[in-house]
Amino acid sequence: MNLNTYKQRLLALQDSLSVRLRRDSERGREQTPDSATDTGDMAVLDEGESEDFSEAELDATTLRQVRDALQRIENGTYGQCLVDGGPIEAARLDAVPWAPYCLKHQKLLEAASRPRPSL
């Protein structure tokens, strides 16, 4: 595994996410209700603001995961599953370089977080 390649990808991603996060947050704050003239305009304005902040929240989550992955590189634990310390598949790291879990444990975590249907 070429850690330098992953590190460079993660650093570039960190930079782009930081820029997007600032932009989305600023756009969300720039939307002012003063420009809306009726309830329809207010609804459109609210929806746009909500979308900007949702994108910013998603970017912030991904940015936190990218920074965690960069820290794992520095600690010498990058590419090791946080659950059992086993290797994370190279194809998984190529697709999601900030992945903290191997595919098996990621699937188990996702299954555990799904809501159960009620009877």
PDB file of N, CA and C in Angstrom:
ATOM      1  N   MET A   1       0.846  -1.168   0.000  1.00  0.00           N
ATOM      2  CA  MET A   1       0.000   0.000   0.000  1.00  0.00           C
ATOM      3  C   MET A   1       0.896   1.237   0.000  1.00  0.00           C
ATOM      4  N   ASN A   2       0.604   2.155  -0.916  1.00  0.00           N
ATOM      5  CA  ASN A   2       1.374   3.382  -1.009  1.00  0.00           C
ATOM      6  C   ASN A   2       0.693   4.470  -0.173  1.00  0.00           C
ATOM      7  N   LEU A   3       1.141   4.630   1.062  1.00  0.00           N
ATOM      8  CA  LEU A   3       0.524   5.593   1.971  1.00  0.00           C
ATOM      9  C   LEU A   3       0.602   7.019   1.448  1.00  0.00           C
ATOM     10  N   ASN A   4       1.685   7.348   0.762  1.00  0.00           N
ATOM     11  CA  ASN A   4       1.834   8.709   0.256  1.00  0.00           C
ATOM     12  C   ASN A   4       0.732   9.053  -0.750  1.00  0.00           C
ATOM     13  N   THR A   5       0.371   8.094  -1.593  1.00  0.00           N
ATOM     14  CA  THR A   5      -0.703   8.316  -2.563  1.00  0.00           C
ATOM     15  C   THR A   5      -2.011   8.602  -1.840  1.00  0.00           C
ATOM     16  N   TYR A   6      -2.328   7.781  -0.833  1.00  0.00           N
ATOM     17  CA  TYR A   6      -3.554   7.997  -0.066  1.00  0.00           C
ATOM     18  C   TYR A   6      -3.505   9.330   0.679  1.00  0.00           C
ATOM     19  N   LYS A   7      -2.367   9.646   1.231  1.00  0.00           N
ATOM     20  CA  LYS A   7      -2.227  10.902   1.973  1.00  0.00           C
ATOM     21  C   LYS A   7      -2.463  12.097   1.058  1.00  0.00           C
ATOM     22  N   GLN A   8      -1.894  12.056  -0.138  1.00  0.00           N
ATOM     23  CA  GLN A   8      -2.074  13.164  -1.080  1.00  0.00           C
ATOM     24  C   GLN A   8      -3.539  13.296  -1.493  1.00  0.00           C
ATOM     25  N   ARG A   9      -4.200  12.172  -1.738  1.00  0.00           N
ATOM     26  CA  ARG A   9      -5.637  12.200  -2.083  1.00  0.00           C
ATOM     27  C   ARG A   9      -6.449  12.785  -0.940  1.00  0.00           C
ATOM     28  N   LEU A  10      -6.151  12.359   0.284  1.00  0.00           N
ATOM     29  CA  LEU A  10      -6.882  12.838   1.446  1.00  0.00           C
ATOM     30  C   LEU A  10      -6.632  14.328   1.690  1.00  0.00           C
ATOM     31  N   LEU A  11      -5.402  14.778   1.509  1.00  0.00           N
ATOM     32  CA  LEU A  11      -5.106  16.203   1.678  1.00  0.00           C
ATOM     33  C   LEU A  11      -5.842  17.050   0.647  1.00  0.00           C
ATOM     34  N   ALA A  12      -5.886  16.589  -0.600  1.00  0.00           N
ATOM     35  CA  ALA A  12      -6.611  17.317  -1.644  1.00  0.00           C
ATOM     36  C   ALA A  12      -8.106  17.349  -1.332  1.00  0.00           C
ATOM     37  N   LEU A  13      -8.626  16.232  -0.868  1.00  0.00           N
ATOM     38  CA  LEU A  13     -10.037  16.163  -0.505  1.00  0.00           C
ATOM     39  C   LEU A  13     -10.337  17.073   0.684  1.00  0.00           C
ATOM     40  N   GLN A  14      -9.442  17.111   1.648  1.00  0.00           N
ATOM     41  CA  GLN A  14      -9.602  17.991   2.804  1.00  0.00           C
ATOM     42  C   GLN A  14      -9.696  19.452   2.353  1.00  0.00           C
ATOM     43  N   ASP A  15      -8.836  19.837   1.424  1.00  0.00           N
ATOM     44  CA  ASP A  15      -8.854  21.213   0.918  1.00  0.00           C
ATOM     45  C   ASP A  15     -10.164  21.529   0.201  1.00  0.00           C
ATOM     46  N   SER A  16     -10.602  20.640  -0.679  1.00  0.00           N
ATOM     47  CA  SER A  16     -11.825  20.917  -1.442  1.00  0.00           C
ATOM     48  C   SER A  16     -13.058  20.913  -0.538  1.00  0.00           C
ATOM     49  N   LEU A  17     -13.097  20.016   0.435  1.00  0.00           N
ATOM     50  CA  LEU A  17     -14.229  19.989   1.364  1.00  0.00           C
ATOM     51  C   LEU A  17     -14.263  21.242   2.230  1.00  0.00           C
ATOM     52  N   SER A  18     -13.118  21.714   2.648  1.00  0.00           N
ATOM     53  CA  SER A  18     -13.060  22.936   3.459  1.00  0.00           C
ATOM     54  C   SER A  18     -13.618  24.124   2.685  1.00  0.00           C
ATOM     55  N   VAL A  19     -13.253  24.224   1.417  1.00  0.00           N
ATOM     56  CA  VAL A  19     -13.754  25.317   0.570  1.00  0.00           C
ATOM     57  C   VAL A  19     -15.265  25.187   0.398  1.00  0.00           C
ATOM     58  N   ARG A  20     -15.738  23.987   0.081  1.00  0.00           N
ATOM     59  CA  ARG A  20     -17.183  23.779  -0.098  1.00  0.00           C
ATOM     60  C   ARG A  20     -17.951  24.056   1.182  1.00  0.00           C
ATOM     61  N   LEU A  21     -17.408  23.647   2.300  1.00  0.00           N
ATOM     62  CA  LEU A  21     -18.075  23.857   3.587  1.00  0.00           C
ATOM     63  C   LEU A  21     -18.251  25.346   3.871  1.00  0.00           C
ATOM     64  N   ARG A  22     -17.199  26.112   3.654  1.00  0.00           N
ATOM     65  CA  ARG A  22     -17.300  27.570   3.846  1.00  0.00           C
ATOM     66  C   ARG A  22     -18.329  28.174   2.894  1.00  0.00           C
ATOM     67  N   ARG A  23     -18.280  27.760   1.631  1.00  0.00           N
ATOM     68  CA  ARG A  23     -19.194  28.305   0.625  1.00  0.00           C
ATOM     69  C   ARG A  23     -20.643  27.963   0.961  1.00  0.00           C
ATOM     70  N   ASP A  24     -20.928  26.717   1.298  1.00  0.00           N
ATOM     71  CA  ASP A  24     -22.300  26.311   1.605  1.00  0.00           C
ATOM     72  C   ASP A  24     -22.818  27.008   2.854  1.00  0.00           C
ATOM     73  N   SER A  25     -21.974  27.144   3.860  1.00  0.00           N
ATOM     74  CA  SER A  25     -22.391  27.827   5.089  1.00  0.00           C
ATOM     75  C   SER A  25     -22.687  29.296   4.813  1.00  0.00           C
ATOM     76  N   GLU A  26     -21.845  29.935   4.027  1.00  0.00           N
ATOM     77  CA  GLU A  26     -22.049  31.343   3.696  1.00  0.00           C
ATOM     78  C   GLU A  26     -23.316  31.526   2.878  1.00  0.00           C
ATOM     79  N   ARG A  27     -23.550  30.639   1.911  1.00  0.00           N
ATOM     80  CA  ARG A  27     -24.772  30.743   1.098  1.00  0.00           C
ATOM     81  C   ARG A  27     -26.006  30.566   1.954  1.00  0.00           C
ATOM     82  N   GLY A  28     -25.954  29.645   2.907  1.00  0.00           N
ATOM     83  CA  GLY A  28     -27.096  29.433   3.780  1.00  0.00           C
ATOM     84  C   GLY A  28     -27.394  30.653   4.628  1.00  0.00           C
ATOM     85  N   ARG A  29     -26.355  31.337   5.091  1.00  0.00           N
ATOM     86  CA  ARG A  29     -26.543  32.537   5.910  1.00  0.00           C
ATOM     87  C   ARG A  29     -26.948  33.750   5.069  1.00  0.00           C
ATOM     88  N   GLU A  30     -26.556  33.757   3.788  1.00  0.00           N
ATOM     89  CA  GLU A  30     -26.852  34.908   2.936  1.00  0.00           C
ATOM     90  C   GLU A  30     -28.327  35.014   2.594  1.00  0.00           C
ATOM     91  N   GLN A  31     -29.045  33.922   2.629  1.00  0.00           N
ATOM     92  CA  GLN A  31     -30.455  33.939   2.263  1.00  0.00           C
ATOM     93  C   GLN A  31     -31.221  34.681   3.349  1.00  0.00           C
ATOM     94  N   THR A  32     -31.813  35.804   2.968  1.00  0.00           N
ATOM     95  CA  THR A  32     -32.506  36.621   3.959  1.00  0.00           C
ATOM     96  C   THR A  32     -33.997  36.654   3.673  1.00  0.00           C
ATOM     97  N   PRO A  33     -34.801  36.607   4.710  1.00  0.00           N
ATOM     98  CA  PRO A  33     -36.243  36.664   4.515  1.00  0.00           C
ATOM     99  C   PRO A  33     -36.719  38.024   4.022  1.00  0.00           C
ATOM    100  N   ASP A  34     -35.874  39.050   4.077  1.00  0.00           N
ATOM    101  CA  ASP A  34     -36.276  40.372   3.598  1.00  0.00           C
ATOM    102  C   ASP A  34     -36.585  40.370   2.110  1.00  0.00           C
ATOM    103  N   SER A  35     -35.958  39.438   1.368  1.00  0.00           N
ATOM    104  CA  SER A  35     -36.161  39.420  -0.075  1.00  0.00           C
ATOM    105  C   SER A  35     -37.441  38.684  -0.472  1.00  0.00           C
ATOM    106  N   ALA A  36     -38.063  37.970   0.449  1.00  0.00           N
ATOM    107  CA  ALA A  36     -39.290  37.244   0.150  1.00  0.00           C
ATOM    108  C   ALA A  36     -40.489  38.174   0.311  1.00  0.00           C
ATOM    109  N   THR A  37     -41.422  38.073  -0.655  1.00  0.00           N
ATOM    110  CA  THR A  37     -42.578  38.962  -0.618  1.00  0.00           C
ATOM    111  C   THR A  37     -43.854  38.264  -0.171  1.00  0.00           C
ATOM    112  N   ASP A  38     -43.901  36.942  -0.224  1.00  0.00           N
ATOM    113  CA  ASP A  38     -45.087  36.230   0.221  1.00  0.00           C
ATOM    114  C   ASP A  38     -44.691  34.870   0.793  1.00  0.00           C
ATOM    115  N   THR A  39     -45.682  34.100   1.222  1.00  0.00           N
ATOM    116  CA  THR A  39     -45.377  32.810   1.850  1.00  0.00           C
ATOM    117  C   THR A  39     -44.738  31.833   0.876  1.00  0.00           C
ATOM    118  N   GLY A  40     -45.078  31.902  -0.397  1.00  0.00           N
ATOM    119  CA  GLY A  40     -44.448  31.040  -1.402  1.00  0.00           C
ATOM    120  C   GLY A  40     -42.973  31.346  -1.532  1.00  0.00           C
ATOM    121  N   ASP A  41     -42.657  32.645  -1.567  1.00  0.00           N
ATOM    122  CA  ASP A  41     -41.249  33.049  -1.624  1.00  0.00           C
ATOM    123  C   ASP A  41     -40.505  32.595  -0.376  1.00  0.00           C
ATOM    124  N   MET A  42     -41.159  32.709   0.774  1.00  0.00           N
ATOM    125  CA  MET A  42     -40.536  32.273   2.034  1.00  0.00           C
ATOM    126  C   MET A  42     -40.259  30.773   2.011  1.00  0.00           C
ATOM    127  N   ALA A  43     -41.195  29.994   1.461  1.00  0.00           N
ATOM    128  CA  ALA A  43     -41.020  28.542   1.403  1.00  0.00           C
ATOM    129  C   ALA A  43     -39.830  28.183   0.517  1.00  0.00           C
ATOM    130  N   VAL A  44     -39.702  28.839  -0.619  1.00  0.00           N
ATOM    131  CA  VAL A  44     -38.575  28.596  -1.525  1.00  0.00           C
ATOM    132  C   VAL A  44     -37.272  28.994  -0.850  1.00  0.00           C
ATOM    133  N   LEU A  45     -37.284  30.113  -0.169  1.00  0.00           N
ATOM    134  CA  LEU A  45     -36.098  30.592   0.538  1.00  0.00           C
ATOM    135  C   LEU A  45     -35.695  29.614   1.639  1.00  0.00           C
ATOM    136  N   ASP A  46     -36.676  29.136   2.409  1.00  0.00           N
ATOM    137  CA  ASP A  46     -36.399  28.167   3.473  1.00  0.00           C
ATOM    138  C   ASP A  46     -35.824  26.878   2.909  1.00  0.00           C
ATOM    139  N   GLU A  47     -36.365  26.422   1.792  1.00  0.00           N
ATOM    140  CA  GLU A  47     -35.881  25.181   1.174  1.00  0.00           C
ATOM    141  C   GLU A  47     -34.443  25.348   0.704  1.00  0.00           C
ATOM    142  N   GLY A  48     -34.135  26.467   0.082  1.00  0.00           N
ATOM    143  CA  GLY A  48     -32.772  26.720  -0.380  1.00  0.00           C
ATOM    144  C   GLY A  48     -31.795  26.780   0.776  1.00  0.00           C
ATOM    145  N   GLU A  49     -32.205  27.440   1.862  1.00  0.00           N
ATOM    146  CA  GLU A  49     -31.358  27.534   3.051  1.00  0.00           C
ATOM    147  C   GLU A  49     -31.129  26.154   3.653  1.00  0.00           C
ATOM    148  N   SER A  50     -32.175  25.361   3.707  1.00  0.00           N
ATOM    149  CA  SER A  50     -32.072  24.013   4.263  1.00  0.00           C
ATOM    150  C   SER A  50     -31.118  23.152   3.430  1.00  0.00           C
ATOM    151  N   GLU A  51     -31.211  23.251   2.115  1.00  0.00           N
ATOM    152  CA  GLU A  51     -30.320  22.487   1.234  1.00  0.00           C
ATOM    153  C   GLU A  51     -28.867  22.894   1.445  1.00  0.00           C
ATOM    154  N   ASP A  52     -28.616  24.195   1.535  1.00  0.00           N
ATOM    155  CA  ASP A  52     -27.243  24.670   1.737  1.00  0.00           C
ATOM    156  C   ASP A  52     -26.673  24.151   3.053  1.00  0.00           C
ATOM    157  N   PHE A  53     -27.465  24.207   4.117  1.00  0.00           N
ATOM    158  CA  PHE A  53     -26.976  23.734   5.408  1.00  0.00           C
ATOM    159  C   PHE A  53     -26.858  22.216   5.444  1.00  0.00           C
ATOM    160  N   SER A  54     -27.727  21.492   4.724  1.00  0.00           N
ATOM    161  CA  SER A  54     -27.616  20.030   4.657  1.00  0.00           C
ATOM    162  C   SER A  54     -26.333  19.629   3.943  1.00  0.00           C
ATOM    163  N   GLU A  55     -26.033  20.311   2.852  1.00  0.00           N
ATOM    164  CA  GLU A  55     -24.786  20.040   2.135  1.00  0.00           C
ATOM    165  C   GLU A  55     -23.587  20.363   3.015  1.00  0.00           C
ATOM    166  N   ALA A  56     -23.672  21.452   3.755  1.00  0.00           N
ATOM    167  CA  ALA A  56     -22.574  21.831   4.648  1.00  0.00           C
ATOM    168  C   ALA A  56     -22.403  20.780   5.746  1.00  0.00           C
ATOM    169  N   GLU A  57     -23.498  20.265   6.266  1.00  0.00           N
ATOM    170  CA  GLU A  57     -23.415  19.242   7.316  1.00  0.00           C
ATOM    171  C   GLU A  57     -22.779  17.953   6.781  1.00  0.00           C
ATOM    172  N   LEU A  58     -23.173  17.551   5.569  1.00  0.00           N
ATOM    173  CA  LEU A  58     -22.581  16.363   4.952  1.00  0.00           C
ATOM    174  C   LEU A  58     -21.091  16.578   4.694  1.00  0.00           C
ATOM    175  N   ASP A  59     -20.736  17.745   4.192  1.00  0.00           N
ATOM    176  CA  ASP A  59     -19.321  18.066   3.957  1.00  0.00           C
ATOM    177  C   ASP A  59     -18.537  18.054   5.265  1.00  0.00           C
ATOM    178  N   ALA A  60     -19.123  18.585   6.323  1.00  0.00           N
ATOM    179  CA  ALA A  60     -18.439  18.619   7.623  1.00  0.00           C
ATOM    180  C   ALA A  60     -18.195  17.209   8.149  1.00  0.00           C
ATOM    181  N   THR A  61     -19.167  16.324   7.964  1.00  0.00           N
ATOM    182  CA  THR A  61     -19.011  14.934   8.402  1.00  0.00           C
ATOM    183  C   THR A  61     -17.900  14.250   7.621  1.00  0.00           C
ATOM    184  N   THR A  62     -17.910  14.428   6.302  1.00  0.00           N
ATOM    185  CA  THR A  62     -16.874  13.811   5.467  1.00  0.00           C
ATOM    186  C   THR A  62     -15.509  14.407   5.789  1.00  0.00           C
ATOM    187  N   LEU A  63     -15.459  15.709   6.004  1.00  0.00           N
ATOM    188  CA  LEU A  63     -14.194  16.362   6.348  1.00  0.00           C
ATOM    189  C   LEU A  63     -13.634  15.793   7.652  1.00  0.00           C
ATOM    190  N   ARG A  64     -14.484  15.575   8.629  1.00  0.00           N
ATOM    191  CA  ARG A  64     -14.050  14.986   9.904  1.00  0.00           C
ATOM    192  C   ARG A  64     -13.485  13.576   9.669  1.00  0.00           C
ATOM    193  N   GLN A  65     -14.138  12.799   8.802  1.00  0.00           N
ATOM    194  CA  GLN A  65     -13.664  11.447   8.497  1.00  0.00           C
ATOM    195  C   GLN A  65     -12.326  11.491   7.763  1.00  0.00           C
ATOM    196  N   VAL A  66     -12.158  12.447   6.852  1.00  0.00           N
ATOM    197  CA  VAL A  66     -10.898  12.604   6.123  1.00  0.00           C
ATOM    198  C   VAL A  66      -9.775  12.965   7.101  1.00  0.00           C
ATOM    199  N   ARG A  67     -10.057  13.880   8.010  1.00  0.00           N
ATOM    200  CA  ARG A  67      -9.035  14.269   8.992  1.00  0.00           C
ATOM    201  C   ARG A  67      -8.691  13.107   9.916  1.00  0.00           C
ATOM    202  N   ASP A  68      -9.686  12.301  10.269  1.00  0.00           N
ATOM    203  CA  ASP A  68      -9.422  11.104  11.082  1.00  0.00           C
ATOM    204  C   ASP A  68      -8.512  10.137  10.331  1.00  0.00           C
ATOM    205  N   ALA A  69      -8.755   9.979   9.016  1.00  0.00           N
ATOM    206  CA  ALA A  69      -7.918   9.089   8.206  1.00  0.00           C
ATOM    207  C   ALA A  69      -6.485   9.616   8.126  1.00  0.00           C
ATOM    208  N   LEU A  70      -6.336  10.930   7.977  1.00  0.00           N
ATOM    209  CA  LEU A  70      -4.993  11.518   7.961  1.00  0.00           C
ATOM    210  C   LEU A  70      -4.286  11.279   9.295  1.00  0.00           C
ATOM    211  N   GLN A  71      -5.025  11.334  10.379  1.00  0.00           N
ATOM    212  CA  GLN A  71      -4.440  11.058  11.691  1.00  0.00           C
ATOM    213  C   GLN A  71      -4.014   9.591  11.792  1.00  0.00           C
ATOM    214  N   ARG A  72      -4.814   8.692  11.208  1.00  0.00           N
ATOM    215  CA  ARG A  72      -4.442   7.269  11.220  1.00  0.00           C
ATOM    216  C   ARG A  72      -3.163   7.042  10.414  1.00  0.00           C
ATOM    217  N   ILE A  73      -2.974   7.803   9.340  1.00  0.00           N
ATOM    218  CA  ILE A  73      -1.713   7.703   8.585  1.00  0.00           C
ATOM    219  C   ILE A  73      -0.559   8.100   9.487  1.00  0.00           C
ATOM    220  N   GLU A  74      -0.727   9.206  10.191  1.00  0.00           N
ATOM    221  CA  GLU A  74       0.334   9.680  11.093  1.00  0.00           C
ATOM    222  C   GLU A  74       0.595   8.681  12.226  1.00  0.00           C
ATOM    223  N   ASN A  75      -0.451   8.016  12.702  1.00  0.00           N
ATOM    224  CA  ASN A  75      -0.316   7.052  13.807  1.00  0.00           C
ATOM    225  C   ASN A  75       0.178   5.681  13.354  1.00  0.00           C
ATOM    226  N   GLY A  76       0.189   5.469  12.042  1.00  0.00           N
ATOM    227  CA  GLY A  76       0.615   4.167  11.524  1.00  0.00           C
ATOM    228  C   GLY A  76      -0.473   3.113  11.541  1.00  0.00           C
ATOM    229  N   THR A  77      -1.737   3.546  11.677  1.00  0.00           N
ATOM    230  CA  THR A  77      -2.840   2.585  11.712  1.00  0.00           C
ATOM    231  C   THR A  77      -3.750   2.680  10.492  1.00  0.00           C
ATOM    232  N   TYR A  78      -3.363   3.492   9.511  1.00  0.00           N
ATOM    233  CA  TYR A  78      -4.190   3.635   8.306  1.00  0.00           C
ATOM    234  C   TYR A  78      -4.284   2.292   7.583  1.00  0.00           C
ATOM    235  N   GLY A  79      -5.487   1.971   7.121  1.00  0.00           N
ATOM    236  CA  GLY A  79      -5.699   0.728   6.394  1.00  0.00           C
ATOM    237  C   GLY A  79      -6.031  -0.441   7.304  1.00  0.00           C
ATOM    238  N   GLN A  80      -6.140  -0.163   8.603  1.00  0.00           N
ATOM    239  CA  GLN A  80      -6.517  -1.197   9.570  1.00  0.00           C
ATOM    240  C   GLN A  80      -7.927  -0.900  10.087  1.00  0.00           C
ATOM    241  N   CYS A  81      -8.758  -1.907  10.103  1.00  0.00           N
ATOM    242  CA  CYS A  81     -10.132  -1.774  10.578  1.00  0.00           C
ATOM    243  C   CYS A  81     -10.137  -1.368  12.046  1.00  0.00           C
ATOM    244  N   LEU A  82     -10.959  -0.387  12.381  1.00  0.00           N
ATOM    245  CA  LEU A  82     -11.039   0.078  13.765  1.00  0.00           C
ATOM    246  C   LEU A  82     -11.689  -0.941  14.692  1.00  0.00           C
ATOM    247  N   VAL A  83     -12.403  -1.913  14.146  1.00  0.00           N
ATOM    248  CA  VAL A  83     -13.063  -2.911  14.983  1.00  0.00           C
ATOM    249  C   VAL A  83     -12.085  -3.989  15.431  1.00  0.00           C
ATOM    250  N   ASP A  84     -11.394  -4.601  14.466  1.00  0.00           N
ATOM    251  CA  ASP A  84     -10.536  -5.743  14.818  1.00  0.00           C
ATOM    252  C   ASP A  84      -9.073  -5.584  14.413  1.00  0.00           C
ATOM    253  N   GLY A  85      -8.717  -4.445  13.823  1.00  0.00           N
ATOM    254  CA  GLY A  85      -7.332  -4.217  13.433  1.00  0.00           C
ATOM    255  C   GLY A  85      -6.906  -4.945  12.172  1.00  0.00           C
ATOM    256  N   GLY A  86      -7.829  -5.668  11.565  1.00  0.00           N
ATOM    257  CA  GLY A  86      -7.515  -6.369  10.318  1.00  0.00           C
ATOM    258  C   GLY A  86      -7.387  -5.386   9.164  1.00  0.00           C
ATOM    259  N   PRO A  87      -6.884  -5.859   8.037  1.00  0.00           N
ATOM    260  CA  PRO A  87      -6.686  -4.959   6.896  1.00  0.00           C
ATOM    261  C   PRO A  87      -8.002  -4.548   6.238  1.00  0.00           C
ATOM    262  N   ILE A  88      -8.041  -3.307   5.791  1.00  0.00           N
ATOM    263  CA  ILE A  88      -9.152  -2.810   4.977  1.00  0.00           C
ATOM    264  C   ILE A  88      -8.772  -3.095   3.528  1.00  0.00           C
ATOM    265  N   GLU A  89      -9.698  -3.616   2.779  1.00  0.00           N
ATOM    266  CA  GLU A  89      -9.450  -4.007   1.397  1.00  0.00           C
ATOM    267  C   GLU A  89      -8.936  -2.816   0.578  1.00  0.00           C
ATOM    268  N   ALA A  90      -7.932  -3.074  -0.272  1.00  0.00           N
ATOM    269  CA  ALA A  90      -7.339  -2.019  -1.107  1.00  0.00           C
ATOM    270  C   ALA A  90      -8.386  -1.382  -2.012  1.00  0.00           C
ATOM    271  N   ALA A  91      -9.281  -2.189  -2.571  1.00  0.00           N
ATOM    272  CA  ALA A  91     -10.324  -1.643  -3.444  1.00  0.00           C
ATOM    273  C   ALA A  91     -11.234  -0.690  -2.666  1.00  0.00           C
ATOM    274  N   ARG A  92     -11.479  -1.015  -1.402  1.00  0.00           N
ATOM    275  CA  ARG A  92     -12.310  -0.141  -0.560  1.00  0.00           C
ATOM    276  C   ARG A  92     -11.599   1.183  -0.301  1.00  0.00           C
ATOM    277  N   LEU A  93     -10.318   1.124   0.029  1.00  0.00           N
ATOM    278  CA  LEU A  93      -9.556   2.348   0.263  1.00  0.00           C
ATOM    279  C   LEU A  93      -9.406   3.174  -1.011  1.00  0.00           C
ATOM    280  N   ASP A  94      -9.326   2.506  -2.144  1.00  0.00           N
ATOM    281  CA  ASP A  94      -9.266   3.242  -3.408  1.00  0.00           C
ATOM    282  C   ASP A  94     -10.567   4.010  -3.639  1.00  0.00           C
ATOM    283  N   ALA A  95     -11.697   3.384  -3.288  1.00  0.00           N
ATOM    284  CA  ALA A  95     -12.999   4.012  -3.489  1.00  0.00           C
ATOM    285  C   ALA A  95     -13.318   5.034  -2.399  1.00  0.00           C
ATOM    286  N   VAL A  96     -12.994   4.703  -1.160  1.00  0.00           N
ATOM    287  CA  VAL A  96     -13.300   5.551  -0.006  1.00  0.00           C
ATOM    288  C   VAL A  96     -12.040   5.627   0.859  1.00  0.00           C
ATOM    289  N   PRO A  97     -11.101   6.510   0.506  1.00  0.00           N
ATOM    290  CA  PRO A  97      -9.811   6.515   1.203  1.00  0.00           C
ATOM    291  C   PRO A  97      -9.900   6.856   2.690  1.00  0.00           C
ATOM    292  N   TRP A  98     -11.015   7.379   3.147  1.00  0.00           N
ATOM    293  CA  TRP A  98     -11.175   7.701   4.572  1.00  0.00           C
ATOM    294  C   TRP A  98     -11.875   6.581   5.338  1.00  0.00           C
ATOM    295  N   ALA A  99     -12.109   5.436   4.683  1.00  0.00           N
ATOM    296  CA  ALA A  99     -12.834   4.324   5.311  1.00  0.00           C
ATOM    297  C   ALA A  99     -12.127   3.844   6.583  1.00  0.00           C
ATOM    298  N   PRO A 100     -12.855   3.801   7.718  1.00  0.00           N
ATOM    299  CA  PRO A 100     -12.245   3.339   8.962  1.00  0.00           C
ATOM    300  C   PRO A 100     -12.480   1.843   9.246  1.00  0.00           C
ATOM    301  N   TYR A 101     -13.326   1.212   8.433  1.00  0.00           N
ATOM    302  CA  TYR A 101     -13.699  -0.179   8.685  1.00  0.00           C
ATOM    303  C   TYR A 101     -13.544  -1.013   7.426  1.00  0.00           C
ATOM    304  N   CYS A 102     -13.246  -2.290   7.618  1.00  0.00           N
ATOM    305  CA  CYS A 102     -13.265  -3.217   6.493  1.00  0.00           C
ATOM    306  C   CYS A 102     -14.722  -3.375   6.049  1.00  0.00           C
ATOM    307  N   LEU A 103     -14.916  -3.944   4.891  1.00  0.00           N
ATOM    308  CA  LEU A 103     -16.257  -4.077   4.322  1.00  0.00           C
ATOM    309  C   LEU A 103     -17.183  -4.888   5.235  1.00  0.00           C
ATOM    310  N   LYS A 104     -16.669  -5.949   5.817  1.00  0.00           N
ATOM    311  CA  LYS A 104     -17.479  -6.796   6.696  1.00  0.00           C
ATOM    312  C   LYS A 104     -18.033  -5.996   7.872  1.00  0.00           C
ATOM    313  N   HIS A 105     -17.176  -5.266   8.544  1.00  0.00           N
ATOM    314  CA  HIS A 105     -17.619  -4.508   9.715  1.00  0.00           C
ATOM    315  C   HIS A 105     -18.457  -3.292   9.332  1.00  0.00           C
ATOM    316  N   GLN A 106     -18.190  -2.699   8.189  1.00  0.00           N
ATOM    317  CA  GLN A 106     -19.019  -1.581   7.727  1.00  0.00           C
ATOM    318  C   GLN A 106     -20.447  -2.062   7.500  1.00  0.00           C
ATOM    319  N   LYS A 107     -20.598  -3.223   6.856  1.00  0.00           N
ATOM    320  CA  LYS A 107     -21.940  -3.771   6.609  1.00  0.00           C
ATOM    321  C   LYS A 107     -22.650  -4.092   7.922  1.00  0.00           C
ATOM    322  N   LEU A 108     -21.914  -4.642   8.888  1.00  0.00           N
ATOM    323  CA  LEU A 108     -22.518  -4.946  10.183  1.00  0.00           C
ATOM    324  C   LEU A 108     -22.978  -3.666  10.895  1.00  0.00           C
ATOM    325  N   LEU A 109     -22.183  -2.622  10.838  1.00  0.00           N
ATOM    326  CA  LEU A 109     -22.557  -1.352  11.461  1.00  0.00           C
ATOM    327  C   LEU A 109     -23.784  -0.742  10.784  1.00  0.00           C
ATOM    328  N   GLU A 110     -23.834  -0.808   9.463  1.00  0.00           N
ATOM    329  CA  GLU A 110     -24.987  -0.269   8.743  1.00  0.00           C
ATOM    330  C   GLU A 110     -26.245  -1.068   9.051  1.00  0.00           C
ATOM    331  N   ALA A 111     -26.129  -2.387   9.107  1.00  0.00           N
ATOM    332  CA  ALA A 111     -27.291  -3.227   9.415  1.00  0.00           C
ATOM    333  C   ALA A 111     -27.806  -2.934  10.823  1.00  0.00           C
ATOM    334  N   ALA A 112     -26.900  -2.714  11.769  1.00  0.00           N
ATOM    335  CA  ALA A 112     -27.300  -2.433  13.150  1.00  0.00           C
ATOM    336  C   ALA A 112     -27.982  -1.080  13.282  1.00  0.00           C
ATOM    337  N   SER A 113     -27.679  -0.145  12.399  1.00  0.00           N
ATOM    338  CA  SER A 113     -28.263   1.197  12.508  1.00  0.00           C
ATOM    339  C   SER A 113     -29.566   1.354  11.740  1.00  0.00           C
ATOM    340  N   ARG A 114     -29.937   0.350  10.943  1.00  0.00           N
ATOM    341  CA  ARG A 114     -31.209   0.431  10.198  1.00  0.00           C
ATOM    342  C   ARG A 114     -32.381   0.270  11.158  1.00  0.00           C
ATOM    343  N   PRO A 115     -33.412   1.075  10.950  1.00  0.00           N
ATOM    344  CA  PRO A 115     -34.599   0.905  11.800  1.00  0.00           C
ATOM    345  C   PRO A 115     -35.282  -0.419  11.514  1.00  0.00           C
ATOM    346  N   ARG A 116     -35.741  -1.049  12.542  1.00  0.00           N
ATOM    347  CA  ARG A 116     -36.468  -2.328  12.423  1.00  0.00           C
ATOM    348  C   ARG A 116     -37.934  -2.030  12.148  1.00  0.00           C
ATOM    349  N   PRO A 117     -38.534  -2.766  11.219  1.00  0.00           N
ATOM    350  CA  PRO A 117     -39.971  -2.544  10.974  1.00  0.00           C
ATOM    351  C   PRO A 117     -40.783  -2.965  12.201  1.00  0.00           C
ATOM    352  N   SER A 118     -41.776  -2.156  12.514  1.00  0.00           N
ATOM    353  CA  SER A 118     -42.624  -2.487  13.651  1.00  0.00           C
ATOM    354  C   SER A 118     -43.859  -3.251  13.172  1.00  0.00           C
ATOM    355  N   LEU A 119     -44.340  -4.085  14.033  1.00  0.00           N
ATOM    356  CA  LEU A 119     -45.524  -4.893  13.669  1.00  0.00           C
ATOM    357  C   LEU A 119     -46.782  -4.255  14.157  1.00  0.00           C
TER     358      LEU A 119
END
